[in-house]
Structures are given as C-alpha cells and as structure tokens.
Amino acid sequence: MEKLNFEEALAKLEQIIKELESGNIELNKAIDKYTEAMKLVKSCSDTLNDATEQVNKILKENGELVDFSIEQTEE
C-alpha cells in the first residue's frame, strides 16, 4: 500500500466505506476492501496519535519541550 497523507487516507477510507455500504460488491472484493480499510484506519489513528502528542507539548522560553496541561481555576 502506498504511503498516503492523512487527508488522502481519510478520503480513500470514505470511498471504501461507500463501496461496502452499497452492497454491490462481490464477497472476495469486499474482504479485500475491508482489509485495506483497516490498514487505513490504523494509519489515520497513528497519525492522529502522533499529532496529539505534539499538540500536548509546548515550547518554553528556554526551548525545552514540556507536557501541556490545562489548569482549572476556581471562580
């Protein structure tokens, strides 16, 4: 499977879902499409997890990466 960026993988996944939902696909092809879809889901999930990790870090003034947390304030 070629390496797709997140948006391309998501678009291909949506296309596969439409094909499978149509019901106009033979069983062997449906199994192949399902397998491809699961690989795309994993790829998208991995990409989102990586992005989440990056977003959860902020750059301090001294250049050190630290975990980001939201502090609750009492009103």
Protein backbone atom coordinates (compact mmCIF):
# COMPACT_ATOMS: atom_id res chain seq x y z
CA MET A 1 0.00 0.00 0.00
CA GLU A 2 1.34 3.40 -0.96
CA LYS A 3 2.08 5.95 1.74
CA LEU A 4 -0.76 8.45 1.85
CA ASN A 5 -1.00 11.60 3.91
CA PHE A 6 -3.81 11.81 6.47
CA GLU A 7 -6.29 13.58 4.21
CA GLU A 8 -5.70 11.18 1.32
CA ALA A 9 -6.04 8.15 3.60
CA LEU A 10 -9.26 9.51 5.08
CA ALA A 11 -10.73 10.20 1.64
CA LYS A 12 -9.82 6.69 0.45
CA LEU A 13 -11.35 5.22 3.61
CA GLU A 14 -14.59 7.14 2.99
CA GLN A 15 -14.65 5.85 -0.60
CA ILE A 16 -14.21 2.25 0.56
CA ILE A 17 -16.98 2.64 3.14
CA LYS A 18 -19.37 3.89 0.45
CA GLU A 19 -18.48 0.92 -1.77
CA LEU A 20 -19.04 -1.57 1.05
CA GLU A 21 -22.30 0.08 2.14
CA SER A 22 -23.65 -0.04 -1.42
CA GLY A 23 -23.86 -3.82 -1.24
CA ASN A 24 -22.97 -4.05 -4.92
CA ILE A 25 -19.63 -5.71 -4.38
CA GLU A 26 -18.73 -9.38 -4.54
CA LEU A 27 -17.62 -11.08 -1.34
CA ASN A 28 -13.92 -11.57 -2.17
CA LYS A 29 -13.58 -7.96 -3.25
CA ALA A 30 -15.44 -6.81 -0.13
CA ILE A 31 -12.99 -8.73 2.06
CA ASP A 32 -10.05 -7.12 0.24
CA LYS A 33 -11.62 -3.66 0.63
CA TYR A 34 -12.31 -4.30 4.32
CA THR A 35 -8.67 -5.31 4.86
CA GLU A 36 -7.48 -2.17 3.07
CA ALA A 37 -9.87 -0.07 5.15
CA MET A 38 -8.49 -1.49 8.40
CA LYS A 39 -4.94 -0.60 7.30
CA LEU A 40 -6.12 2.94 6.51
CA VAL A 41 -7.84 3.20 9.90
CA LYS A 42 -4.59 2.21 11.64
CA SER A 43 -2.59 4.70 9.58
CA CYS A 44 -5.04 7.52 10.37
CA SER A 45 -5.12 6.56 14.03
CA ASP A 46 -1.31 6.54 14.25
CA THR A 47 -1.16 9.94 12.57
CA LEU A 48 -3.74 11.38 14.97
CA ASN A 49 -1.92 9.93 17.97
CA ASP A 50 1.34 11.49 16.80
CA ALA A 51 -0.39 14.84 16.29
CA THR A 52 -1.96 14.63 19.74
CA GLU A 53 1.44 14.03 21.32
CA GLN A 54 2.86 17.05 19.51
CA VAL A 55 -0.07 19.28 20.46
CA ASN A 56 0.23 18.22 24.11
CA LYS A 57 3.72 19.70 24.28
CA ILE A 58 4.51 23.38 24.38
CA LEU A 59 7.79 25.16 23.88
CA LYS A 60 9.04 27.04 26.94
CA GLU A 61 11.10 30.19 26.56
CA ASN A 62 14.34 28.26 27.07
CA GLY A 63 13.46 25.85 24.24
CA GLU A 64 12.60 22.90 26.48
CA LEU A 65 9.58 20.82 25.48
CA VAL A 66 7.20 20.23 28.37
CA ASP A 67 3.90 18.45 28.72
CA PHE A 68 0.94 20.74 28.27
CA SER A 69 -1.80 20.73 30.86
CA ILE A 70 -4.80 22.93 31.47
CA GLU A 71 -5.08 24.23 34.98
CA GLN A 72 -8.55 24.51 36.43
CA THR A 73 -9.23 27.78 38.24
CA GLU A 74 -11.87 28.24 40.86
CA GLU A 75 -14.22 31.14 40.35
